Protein backbone atom coordinates (compact mmCIF):
# COMPACT_ATOMS: atom_id res chain seq x y z
CA MET A 1 1.96 4.00 -26.13
CA LYS A 2 2.10 1.74 -29.22
CA TYR A 3 5.73 0.92 -28.43
CA ILE A 4 4.76 -0.26 -24.93
CA PHE A 5 2.16 -2.64 -26.34
CA SER A 6 4.60 -3.93 -28.97
CA ILE A 7 7.15 -4.76 -26.28
CA PHE A 8 4.57 -6.58 -24.17
CA PHE A 9 3.26 -8.63 -27.10
CA LEU A 10 6.83 -9.69 -27.90
CA VAL A 11 7.40 -10.62 -24.25
CA ILE A 12 4.18 -12.67 -24.17
CA GLN A 13 5.08 -14.51 -27.39
CA PHE A 14 8.55 -15.28 -26.03
CA SER A 15 6.99 -16.52 -22.81
CA LEU A 16 4.66 -18.93 -24.61
CA LEU A 17 7.49 -20.28 -26.78
CA ALA A 18 9.73 -20.71 -23.75
CA GLN A 19 7.31 -23.03 -21.98
CA ASN A 20 8.88 -26.13 -23.45
CA ASN A 21 11.11 -26.23 -20.37
CA GLU A 22 10.55 -28.97 -17.82
CA ILE A 23 9.39 -26.42 -15.25
CA GLN A 24 6.90 -24.23 -17.08
CA ARG A 25 6.10 -20.60 -16.48
CA GLU A 26 2.45 -20.04 -15.62
CA THR A 27 0.73 -17.38 -17.71
CA LYS A 28 -2.61 -16.09 -16.47
CA PHE A 29 -5.33 -14.33 -18.45
CA ILE A 30 -8.29 -12.55 -16.86
CA ALA A 31 -11.21 -10.78 -18.52
CA GLU A 32 -14.04 -8.98 -16.76
CA ALA A 33 -17.10 -6.99 -17.81
CA GLY A 34 -19.43 -5.23 -15.42
CA THR A 35 -21.49 -2.19 -14.54
CA ILE A 36 -21.86 0.17 -11.57
CA LEU A 37 -25.20 1.84 -10.79
CA SER A 38 -26.09 4.22 -7.96
CA THR A 39 -29.13 6.11 -6.73
CA ASN A 40 -27.66 9.62 -6.84
CA GLY A 41 -25.12 9.50 -9.66
CA GLU A 42 -22.05 9.20 -7.40
CA THR A 43 -20.10 6.00 -6.90
CA PRO A 44 -20.35 4.92 -3.23
CA PHE A 45 -17.17 5.20 -1.17
CA TRP A 46 -16.25 1.51 -0.79
CA LEU A 47 -17.00 0.76 -4.45
CA ARG A 48 -14.24 3.17 -5.54
CA ALA A 49 -11.79 3.37 -2.59
CA ASN A 50 -8.64 1.20 -2.74
CA GLN A 51 -9.39 0.12 -6.32
CA TYR A 52 -6.09 1.46 -7.70
CA GLY A 53 -7.84 4.43 -9.28
CA ILE A 54 -9.80 2.46 -11.89
CA VAL A 55 -13.33 3.30 -10.64
CA PRO A 56 -14.66 6.79 -11.53
CA ASN A 57 -16.42 8.96 -8.95
CA GLN A 58 -19.51 9.31 -11.15
CA SER A 59 -21.91 6.55 -12.18
CA PRO A 60 -23.47 4.76 -14.03
CA ILE A 61 -20.39 3.07 -15.44
CA PHE A 62 -19.84 0.19 -17.83
CA THR A 63 -16.37 -1.28 -17.45
CA LEU A 64 -14.23 -3.74 -19.40
CA ARG A 65 -11.04 -5.10 -17.84
CA GLY A 66 -8.41 -7.45 -19.20
CA SER A 67 -5.04 -8.61 -17.93
CA VAL A 68 -2.23 -10.99 -18.71
CA SER A 69 0.59 -11.84 -16.33
CA SER A 70 3.42 -14.29 -15.96
CA ASP A 71 5.03 -14.88 -12.57
CA TYR A 72 8.30 -16.55 -11.68
CA LYS A 73 8.59 -20.29 -12.18
CA LYS A 74 7.43 -22.32 -9.20
CA PRO A 75 8.66 -25.79 -8.26
CA ILE A 76 6.11 -28.59 -8.31
CA THR A 77 8.23 -31.20 -6.56
CA LYS A 78 11.14 -31.02 -4.12
CA GLU A 79 13.51 -31.97 -6.93
CA ASP A 80 12.30 -28.99 -8.98
CA LYS A 81 13.79 -26.57 -6.44
CA TYR A 82 17.27 -27.64 -7.47
CA LYS A 83 16.48 -27.16 -11.16
CA LEU A 84 15.38 -23.54 -10.85
CA SER A 85 17.83 -20.85 -11.84
CA ARG A 86 18.61 -18.03 -9.43
CA PHE A 87 17.60 -15.72 -12.29
CA ASP A 88 14.00 -15.46 -13.47
CA TRP A 89 11.65 -12.90 -14.95
CA GLY A 90 7.98 -12.05 -15.39
CA TYR A 91 5.59 -9.40 -16.60
CA GLY A 92 2.08 -8.00 -16.19
CA LEU A 93 -0.31 -5.96 -18.31
CA ASN A 94 -3.74 -4.75 -17.17
CA ILE A 95 -6.03 -2.52 -19.24
CA VAL A 96 -9.31 -0.97 -18.07
CA GLY A 97 -11.92 0.79 -20.19
CA ASN A 98 -14.71 2.78 -18.52
CA LEU A 99 -17.76 4.10 -20.36
CA GLY A 100 -20.08 6.56 -18.58
CA LYS A 101 -20.15 10.18 -17.50
CA GLU A 102 -16.35 9.98 -17.63
CA ASN A 103 -14.90 7.85 -20.43
CA GLN A 104 -11.49 6.42 -19.63
CA ILE A 105 -8.83 4.04 -20.87
CA LEU A 106 -6.49 3.23 -17.99
CA ILE A 107 -3.42 1.04 -17.63
CA PRO A 108 -3.10 0.28 -13.91
CA GLU A 109 -0.39 -2.32 -14.56
CA ALA A 110 2.29 -2.56 -17.24
CA TYR A 111 5.60 -3.86 -15.93
CA ILE A 112 8.50 -6.18 -16.55
CA LYS A 113 10.29 -7.71 -13.58
CA ALA A 114 13.33 -9.88 -12.98
CA LYS A 115 14.87 -11.50 -9.93
CA PHE A 116 18.24 -12.83 -8.96
CA GLY A 117 18.18 -14.81 -5.77
CA ALA A 118 16.32 -12.77 -3.13
CA PHE A 119 16.50 -9.50 -5.07
CA GLU A 120 13.99 -8.20 -7.60
CA ILE A 121 14.00 -5.27 -10.02
CA TYR A 122 11.04 -4.02 -12.01
CA GLY A 123 10.06 -1.12 -14.22
CA GLY A 124 6.59 0.23 -15.03
CA ARG A 125 3.27 0.45 -13.23
CA ARG A 126 2.47 -2.22 -10.65
CA LYS A 127 -0.14 -2.66 -7.90
CA GLU A 128 1.54 -2.34 -4.50
CA ILE A 129 0.91 -1.59 -0.83
CA VAL A 130 3.63 -0.15 1.43
CA GLY A 131 3.76 -0.65 5.20
CA LEU A 132 3.00 -3.28 7.84
CA VAL A 133 -0.69 -3.95 7.31
CA ASP A 134 -3.12 -6.68 6.31
CA SER A 135 -2.72 -6.88 2.53
CA THR A 136 -6.22 -8.11 1.57
CA LEU A 137 -8.98 -6.68 3.78
CA SER A 138 -7.41 -3.53 5.28
CA SER A 139 -8.94 -0.05 4.94
CA GLY A 140 -5.58 0.78 3.39
CA SER A 141 -2.03 1.32 4.54
CA TYR A 142 -1.71 4.92 5.72
CA ILE A 143 0.97 6.07 3.27
CA TRP A 144 0.54 3.86 0.16
CA SER A 145 -2.80 2.07 0.14
CA GLY A 146 -3.68 1.07 -3.40
CA ASN A 147 -6.19 3.91 -3.57
CA ALA A 148 -4.65 5.72 -6.56
CA LEU A 149 -3.60 4.60 -10.02
CA PRO A 150 -0.14 2.99 -9.71
CA MET A 151 2.72 5.35 -10.46
CA PRO A 152 5.43 4.45 -13.01
CA LYS A 153 8.58 3.47 -11.10
CA ILE A 154 11.89 1.71 -11.31
CA GLN A 155 12.41 -0.31 -8.16
CA ILE A 156 14.85 -2.75 -6.62
CA SER A 157 13.63 -4.71 -3.62
CA THR A 158 13.57 -7.89 -1.59
CA PRO A 159 9.88 -8.87 -1.93
CA ASN A 160 10.14 -11.43 0.87
CA PHE A 161 11.94 -11.44 4.20
CA VAL A 162 15.58 -12.50 3.72
CA PRO A 163 17.27 -14.25 6.67
CA LEU A 164 20.63 -12.93 7.79
CA GLY A 165 22.87 -15.98 7.81
CA PHE A 166 24.93 -15.09 10.86
CA THR A 167 21.70 -15.02 12.95
CA LYS A 168 20.71 -18.52 11.74
CA GLY A 169 17.39 -17.17 10.51
CA PHE A 170 16.44 -15.35 13.71
CA LEU A 171 16.75 -11.90 12.06
CA SER A 172 15.38 -11.22 8.55
CA PHE A 173 14.92 -8.09 6.49
CA LYS A 174 12.96 -6.82 3.49
CA GLY A 175 12.93 -3.45 1.77
CA ASN A 176 12.73 -1.45 -1.43
CA TYR A 177 14.41 1.50 -3.15
CA ALA A 178 12.54 3.24 -5.98
CA HIS A 179 12.46 6.23 -8.29
CA GLY A 180 9.09 7.29 -9.72
CA TRP A 181 7.48 9.94 -11.91
CA PHE A 182 4.42 11.99 -10.97
CA GLU A 183 1.90 12.91 -13.67
CA ASN A 184 2.30 16.06 -15.76
CA ASN A 185 -1.39 17.00 -15.99
CA ARG A 186 -1.42 18.61 -12.54
CA THR A 187 -2.05 22.32 -12.05
CA ASP A 188 0.66 22.89 -9.41
CA VAL A 189 3.98 21.34 -10.52
CA LYS A 190 5.20 19.39 -13.54
CA ASN A 191 8.22 17.17 -14.20
CA PHE A 192 8.69 16.15 -10.58
CA TYR A 193 9.64 12.87 -9.00
CA LEU A 194 9.07 10.31 -6.28
CA HIS A 195 11.80 8.95 -4.07
CA GLN A 196 10.70 5.91 -2.09
CA LYS A 197 12.46 3.46 0.18
CA SER A 198 11.59 1.14 3.04
CA LEU A 199 13.34 -1.23 5.42
CA TYR A 200 11.62 -3.72 7.71
CA PHE A 201 13.00 -6.36 10.05
CA ARG A 202 11.51 -9.57 11.43
CA LEU A 203 12.61 -11.20 14.67
CA GLY A 204 11.92 -14.92 14.85
CA LYS A 205 12.64 -17.87 12.60
CA PRO A 206 10.07 -18.63 9.86
CA ASP A 207 8.74 -21.75 11.61
CA TRP A 208 8.32 -20.05 14.99
CA LYS A 209 4.85 -19.38 16.41
CA PHE A 210 5.62 -15.73 17.20
CA HIS A 211 7.37 -12.97 15.23
CA PHE A 212 8.05 -9.30 15.92
CA TYR A 213 8.27 -6.74 13.09
CA GLY A 214 9.60 -3.19 12.90
CA GLY A 215 10.72 -0.74 10.27
CA PHE A 216 9.98 2.41 8.30
CA ASN A 217 9.13 3.76 4.87
CA HIS A 218 10.27 7.09 3.45
CA GLN A 219 8.42 8.92 0.66
CA VAL A 220 9.53 12.19 -0.98
CA GLN A 221 8.04 14.44 -3.65
CA TRP A 222 10.92 16.43 -5.14
CA GLY A 223 12.14 18.50 -8.08
CA GLY A 224 9.95 19.95 -10.83
CA GLU A 225 8.77 23.21 -12.33
CA LEU A 226 6.10 25.38 -10.69
CA LEU A 227 2.90 26.08 -12.64
CA TYR A 228 1.81 28.85 -10.27
CA PRO A 229 3.41 32.27 -9.60
CA ASP A 230 6.30 32.44 -7.12
CA PRO A 231 7.63 35.99 -7.58
CA LYS A 232 9.52 36.05 -4.26
CA ASN A 233 11.26 32.69 -4.88
CA GLN A 234 9.63 31.31 -1.75
CA PHE A 235 9.25 27.78 -3.15
CA SER A 236 11.68 27.75 -6.06
CA ILE A 237 14.38 29.65 -7.91
CA ASN A 238 12.76 31.27 -10.93
CA GLY A 239 10.10 28.57 -10.99
CA LYS A 240 12.56 25.65 -10.80
CA VAL A 241 12.55 23.36 -7.75
CA GLY A 242 15.92 21.80 -6.97
CA SER A 243 16.46 18.75 -9.23
CA SER A 244 20.25 18.35 -9.25
CA PHE A 245 22.19 15.28 -8.15
CA ASN A 246 23.12 17.13 -4.97
CA ASP A 247 19.42 17.79 -4.34
CA TYR A 248 18.76 14.08 -4.89
CA ILE A 249 21.36 13.17 -2.25
CA ASN A 250 19.68 15.59 0.16
CA VAL A 251 16.33 13.98 -0.65
CA VAL A 252 17.61 10.44 -0.07
CA THR A 253 19.36 11.26 3.20
CA GLY A 254 16.65 13.63 4.47
CA ARG A 255 19.34 16.18 5.28
CA SER A 256 18.08 19.31 6.99
CA LEU A 257 19.03 22.50 5.18
CA ALA A 258 18.02 24.75 8.08
CA THR A 259 21.61 25.04 9.32
CA VAL A 260 22.74 26.22 5.88
CA GLY A 261 19.80 28.50 5.14
CA ASP A 262 20.97 29.24 1.59
CA THR A 263 17.90 30.63 -0.21
CA THR A 264 19.82 31.15 -3.48
CA LYS A 265 19.70 27.46 -4.43
CA ASN A 266 16.32 26.00 -3.54
CA GLY A 267 14.13 28.88 -2.42
CA ALA A 268 13.36 30.07 1.09
CA ASN A 269 10.96 27.20 1.88
CA ASP A 270 13.47 24.38 1.32
CA ALA A 271 16.36 26.40 2.75
CA LEU A 272 14.60 26.43 6.11
CA ASN A 273 13.49 22.78 5.90
CA ARG A 274 14.50 19.92 3.57
CA SER A 275 14.63 19.42 -0.17
CA GLY A 276 11.22 18.10 -1.18
CA ASN A 277 8.11 16.96 0.68
CA HIS A 278 9.05 14.14 3.10
CA LEU A 279 6.49 11.83 4.70
CA GLY A 280 5.98 8.22 5.74
CA THR A 281 5.36 5.90 8.68
CA ILE A 282 7.34 4.03 11.31
CA ASP A 283 5.67 0.66 11.79
CA PHE A 284 5.64 -2.08 14.41
CA GLY A 285 3.80 -5.37 14.61
CA PHE A 286 3.78 -8.96 15.79
CA ASP A 287 2.02 -12.15 14.81
CA ILE A 288 0.94 -15.30 16.60
CA TYR A 289 0.28 -18.74 15.09
CA THR A 290 -1.82 -21.43 16.77
CA SER A 291 -3.43 -24.63 15.53
CA THR A 292 -6.80 -22.92 15.07
CA PHE A 293 -5.96 -19.35 14.04
CA SER A 294 -3.23 -16.81 13.31
CA ALA A 295 -3.31 -13.14 14.30
CA PHE A 296 -1.30 -10.15 13.12
CA PHE A 297 -1.22 -6.93 15.18
CA TYR A 298 0.17 -3.76 13.59
CA ARG A 299 0.69 -0.08 14.32
CA GLN A 300 1.69 2.64 11.82
CA ASN A 301 3.07 5.89 13.32
CA VAL A 302 2.78 8.97 11.12
CA TYR A 303 5.65 11.36 10.44
CA GLU A 304 5.61 14.38 8.15
CA ASP A 305 6.74 17.70 9.65
CA GLY A 306 8.78 16.60 12.65
CA SER A 307 6.07 16.17 15.27
CA LEU A 308 6.78 12.46 15.72
CA ALA A 309 10.37 13.23 16.74
CA TYR A 310 8.90 15.11 19.71
CA LEU A 311 6.09 12.51 20.18
CA SER A 312 3.58 15.35 19.97
CA ASN A 313 1.51 13.47 17.36
CA ILE A 314 2.00 10.00 18.86
CA THR A 315 -1.76 9.52 19.16
CA ASP A 316 -2.04 9.62 15.35
CA GLY A 317 -1.65 6.46 13.31
CA LEU A 318 -3.25 3.28 12.04
CA ASN A 319 -3.89 0.42 14.49
CA GLY A 320 -5.05 -2.98 13.29
CA ILE A 321 -5.54 -6.65 13.99
CA SER A 322 -5.98 -9.32 11.32
CA ILE A 323 -7.22 -12.78 12.35
CA ASN A 324 -7.16 -15.80 10.02
CA ILE A 325 -9.30 -18.71 11.18
CA LYS A 326 -7.79 -22.05 10.19
CA LYS A 327 -10.21 -24.61 11.55
CA THR A 328 -13.89 -23.97 11.05
CA SER A 329 -17.07 -25.87 11.76
CA GLU A 330 -19.09 -27.80 9.21
CA ALA A 331 -21.56 -24.93 8.96
CA THR A 332 -22.71 -23.77 5.53
CA VAL A 333 -21.28 -20.28 6.11
CA LYS A 334 -17.74 -20.32 7.50
CA LEU A 335 -15.94 -17.26 8.83
CA GLN A 336 -12.40 -17.17 7.43
CA LYS A 337 -10.89 -13.79 8.28
CA ILE A 338 -11.51 -10.71 10.44
CA VAL A 339 -9.78 -7.31 10.18
CA ILE A 340 -10.42 -4.53 12.71
CA GLU A 341 -8.73 -1.12 12.40
CA TYR A 342 -8.74 2.27 14.07
CA LEU A 343 -7.29 5.30 12.28
CA ASN A 344 -6.64 8.63 14.00
CA THR A 345 -5.11 11.70 12.31
CA THR A 346 -6.73 14.45 14.40
CA SER A 347 -3.71 15.52 16.48
CA GLN A 348 -1.09 16.37 13.83
CA GLY A 349 1.11 17.60 16.68
CA GLY A 350 -1.41 20.13 17.99
CA VAL A 351 -1.83 23.77 17.10
CA GLY A 352 1.82 24.86 16.93
CA GLY A 353 3.85 25.25 13.76
CA SER A 354 6.52 23.09 12.13
CA GLU A 355 9.00 25.97 12.25
CA ASN A 356 9.05 25.84 16.06
CA THR A 357 11.71 23.76 17.80
CA ALA A 358 10.02 23.57 21.21
CA ALA A 359 8.33 20.17 21.48
CA ARG A 360 5.09 21.60 22.81
CA LEU A 361 4.83 23.99 19.83
CA ARG A 362 5.43 21.56 16.96
CA GLY A 363 2.23 20.83 15.11
CA GLN A 364 -0.33 21.51 12.40
CA ASP A 365 1.45 19.00 10.19
CA ASN A 366 -1.39 19.21 7.63
CA TYR A 367 -1.04 15.58 6.53
CA PHE A 368 -0.69 14.90 2.79
CA ASN A 369 -0.63 18.67 1.99
CA ASN A 370 2.43 20.72 1.07
CA ASP A 371 3.03 24.39 0.24
CA VAL A 372 5.21 23.58 -2.79
CA TYR A 373 3.28 20.60 -4.15
CA LYS A 374 -0.18 22.04 -3.69
CA GLY A 375 -1.82 19.00 -5.27
CA GLY A 376 -0.60 17.13 -2.21
CA TRP A 377 0.23 13.48 -1.70
CA SER A 378 -1.89 12.40 -4.64
CA TYR A 379 -1.62 10.86 -8.07
CA ASN A 380 -4.15 11.39 -10.85
CA GLN A 381 -6.17 13.56 -8.39
CA THR A 382 -6.53 10.70 -5.92
CA SER A 383 -4.91 10.29 -2.51
CA LEU A 384 -1.93 7.92 -2.61
CA GLY A 385 -2.46 7.08 1.05
CA THR A 386 -5.49 6.12 3.11
CA ALA A 387 -8.75 6.79 1.27
CA PHE A 388 -10.16 8.46 4.39
CA ILE A 389 -7.92 11.50 3.73
CA ASN A 390 -9.46 13.09 0.68
CA ASN A 391 -10.93 16.15 -0.97
CA VAL A 392 -14.57 16.40 -0.01
CA SER A 393 -15.64 18.84 -2.71
CA GLY A 394 -13.40 17.44 -5.44
CA VAL A 395 -11.85 20.85 -6.10
CA ILE A 396 -8.92 22.76 -4.65
CA ASN A 397 -10.09 24.66 -1.55
CA ASN A 398 -9.49 28.33 -0.80
CA THR A 399 -6.05 27.64 0.71
CA GLY A 400 -4.80 26.42 -2.66
CA LEU A 401 -4.27 22.92 -1.20
CA PHE A 402 -5.96 19.91 -2.75
CA LEU A 403 -6.73 17.63 0.23
CA ASN A 404 -9.17 19.49 2.48
CA ASN A 405 -10.11 16.66 4.86
CA ASN A 406 -7.16 15.19 6.77
CA ARG A 407 -8.25 15.26 10.42
CA ILE A 408 -10.02 11.90 10.66
CA GLU A 409 -11.06 9.41 13.29
CA ALA A 410 -12.27 6.16 11.70
CA PHE A 411 -13.38 2.72 12.89
CA TYR A 412 -13.26 -0.11 10.38
CA LEU A 413 -14.37 -3.75 10.23
CA SER A 414 -14.02 -6.28 7.41
CA LEU A 415 -15.15 -9.92 7.45
CA GLN A 416 -14.48 -12.66 4.91
CA SER A 417 -16.56 -15.84 4.78
CA SER A 418 -17.19 -18.76 2.46
CA VAL A 419 -20.46 -20.45 1.58
CA LYS A 420 -20.23 -24.16 0.75
CA GLN A 421 -16.49 -23.71 0.18
CA ASN A 422 -16.84 -22.00 -3.17
CA THR A 423 -18.75 -18.72 -2.77
CA LEU A 424 -16.81 -15.92 -1.08
CA LEU A 425 -18.48 -13.16 0.94
CA ASN A 426 -16.76 -9.99 2.14
CA LEU A 427 -18.50 -7.44 4.37
CA THR A 428 -16.87 -4.04 4.95
CA LEU A 429 -18.13 -1.42 7.42
CA SER A 430 -16.62 1.95 8.38
CA LEU A 431 -17.66 4.82 10.62
CA SER A 432 -15.67 8.05 10.51
CA LYS A 433 -15.65 11.52 12.08
CA ASN A 434 -14.24 14.17 9.77
CA ASP A 435 -12.99 17.58 10.96
CA GLY A 436 -11.49 19.02 7.75
CA THR A 437 -8.06 20.58 8.36
CA TYR A 438 -6.59 22.90 10.99
CA VAL A 439 -6.44 25.69 8.41
CA THR A 440 -9.95 25.13 7.00
CA PRO A 441 -11.93 23.16 9.61
CA PHE A 442 -15.49 22.08 8.96
CA LYS A 443 -18.01 24.13 10.95
CA ILE A 444 -19.07 20.92 12.69
CA ALA A 445 -17.58 17.44 12.55
CA LEU A 446 -19.06 15.41 9.69
CA ASN A 447 -19.95 11.81 10.56
CA GLN A 448 -20.01 9.18 7.85
CA PHE A 449 -21.06 5.52 7.64
CA SER A 450 -20.11 3.47 4.58
CA SER A 451 -20.53 -0.22 3.81
CA ARG A 452 -20.06 -2.82 1.11
CA LEU A 453 -20.97 -6.47 0.65
CA ASN A 454 -19.01 -8.41 -2.00
CA VAL A 455 -20.06 -11.77 -3.38
CA LEU A 456 -17.89 -13.89 -5.69
CA LEU A 457 -19.81 -16.87 -7.07
CA PRO A 458 -18.03 -19.38 -9.33
CA LEU A 459 -20.24 -20.89 -12.04
CA LYS A 460 -19.94 -24.67 -11.96
CA PHE A 461 -20.98 -25.21 -15.57
CA LYS A 462 -18.07 -23.14 -16.91
CA SER A 463 -14.55 -23.53 -15.56
CA GLY A 464 -12.90 -20.27 -14.55
CA LEU A 465 -16.08 -18.19 -14.94
CA SER A 466 -17.57 -16.38 -11.95
CA ILE A 467 -20.09 -13.69 -11.08
CA SER A 468 -18.74 -10.79 -9.02
CA SER A 469 -21.24 -8.48 -7.34
CA SER A 470 -21.15 -5.75 -4.69
CA ILE A 471 -23.80 -3.78 -2.86
CA SER A 472 -22.67 -0.53 -1.21
CA PHE A 473 -24.34 2.07 0.99
CA ASP A 474 -23.29 5.57 2.18
CA LYS A 475 -25.11 7.55 4.85
CA GLY A 476 -23.90 10.61 6.69
CA GLU A 477 -22.84 14.22 6.31
CA LEU A 478 -19.65 13.74 4.25
CA TYR A 479 -21.26 11.95 1.29
CA LYS A 480 -24.87 12.04 0.18
CA GLU A 481 -27.10 9.13 1.13
CA ASN A 482 -26.48 6.66 -1.64
CA TYR A 483 -27.02 3.05 -2.66
CA GLY A 484 -24.83 1.46 -5.29
CA ILE A 485 -24.34 -1.89 -6.95
CA TYR A 486 -21.69 -3.53 -9.09
CA ILE A 487 -22.32 -6.70 -11.04
CA GLY A 488 -19.87 -8.29 -13.43
CA PHE A 489 -18.66 -11.50 -15.02
CA LYS A 490 -15.05 -12.60 -14.65
CA LYS A 491 -13.24 -15.27 -16.65
CA LYS A 492 -9.82 -16.73 -15.80
CA TRP A 493 -7.61 -18.89 -18.01
């Protein structure tokens, strides 16, 4: 760890010395101190969900957070655009200390990045969301929502849509290709990896009033060493899950091994399926721009065990609309943004089994769970995807699988407003029906209402200083009735 900090301090010093250039690199510093209190000792849902894993489940909490980051150089004038090099670099470091029932020192961000033209490469931990979704007020992208602590990765990507020249800007693309490392403090598998890629297209030139979007993302957990008994080599060969280069090619291509059926290389489970745990979404969306507002409509279709190929789980997915209001009245409180979402994961292809080839029999996909990686689609014991899919009890259930609540129907609303153009308000409301899983269903559906009101108030007497506060409330059968509050001071330089 000390070597990581040494590298970052050297990078920061070099950055500050290098700002004698005509176009300077902007370096940002942020410090925050705050506390979370609750009425029953648990942190309310919307105070901890989608916080990149930095908020503990138990309260009270005292937290200290500090970050430094340097982004790519930005032109100030039109002439500056011609002075910028196609090559540039940046970095970010974010450290969080929590003091309470669970004492923690976390590093949600520690990365170095570089770009050449439209392409970017980075290494380390970095806050990200994957999928077509509203990036600020959403309940969370289904597959990669910002709910868990960021995973260390090496990634090459096009962060922005890149026009294809032969289409004169009508067709653009963006995507990523990454290799990541899961944590080694799990109880199911150690030394295993993430393969991640995505590709999205946009139809419509940048200055058009309407655009259509479509694409996919592909996530795979693969490789590793089992930490639980597998005497019949069902999930491995002598405790080893396939981690060779040939296995990696099978992971990247998603090649089915069912036609080969060779149980001597990867175990019976993979031999009848694919190498690793494959999951992701196929997304579609469109946006509209007018003089008074812009709207973005999006749909994420879930795939995991083959049901989507037969359309037997087509009712599952995330549906959303994000509306930005451009022109507002002279009222004291002005509505700026509205996000409405509906998430459904109750079908999962029905009551069949993934080993069946008949379309009507495919099903029980058991989202985010996997027989090999029993800790599921999680990192640091937190769901990597939507926060609505979770572990209710916080412990592995009697099936040996970590995530015991993945059949969800949820309605979500988030509003952002400003007061006198400087104070920001954000209201979040959600209502969900939770059925557990097909294997271990709840005796009755558990209904849950959760809410949060955020207030960010800049202090006029001190530049860059603001008060950040949140009030949150849970009521229902999934979480205990609970009131919680966060209040903190944030300083930016």
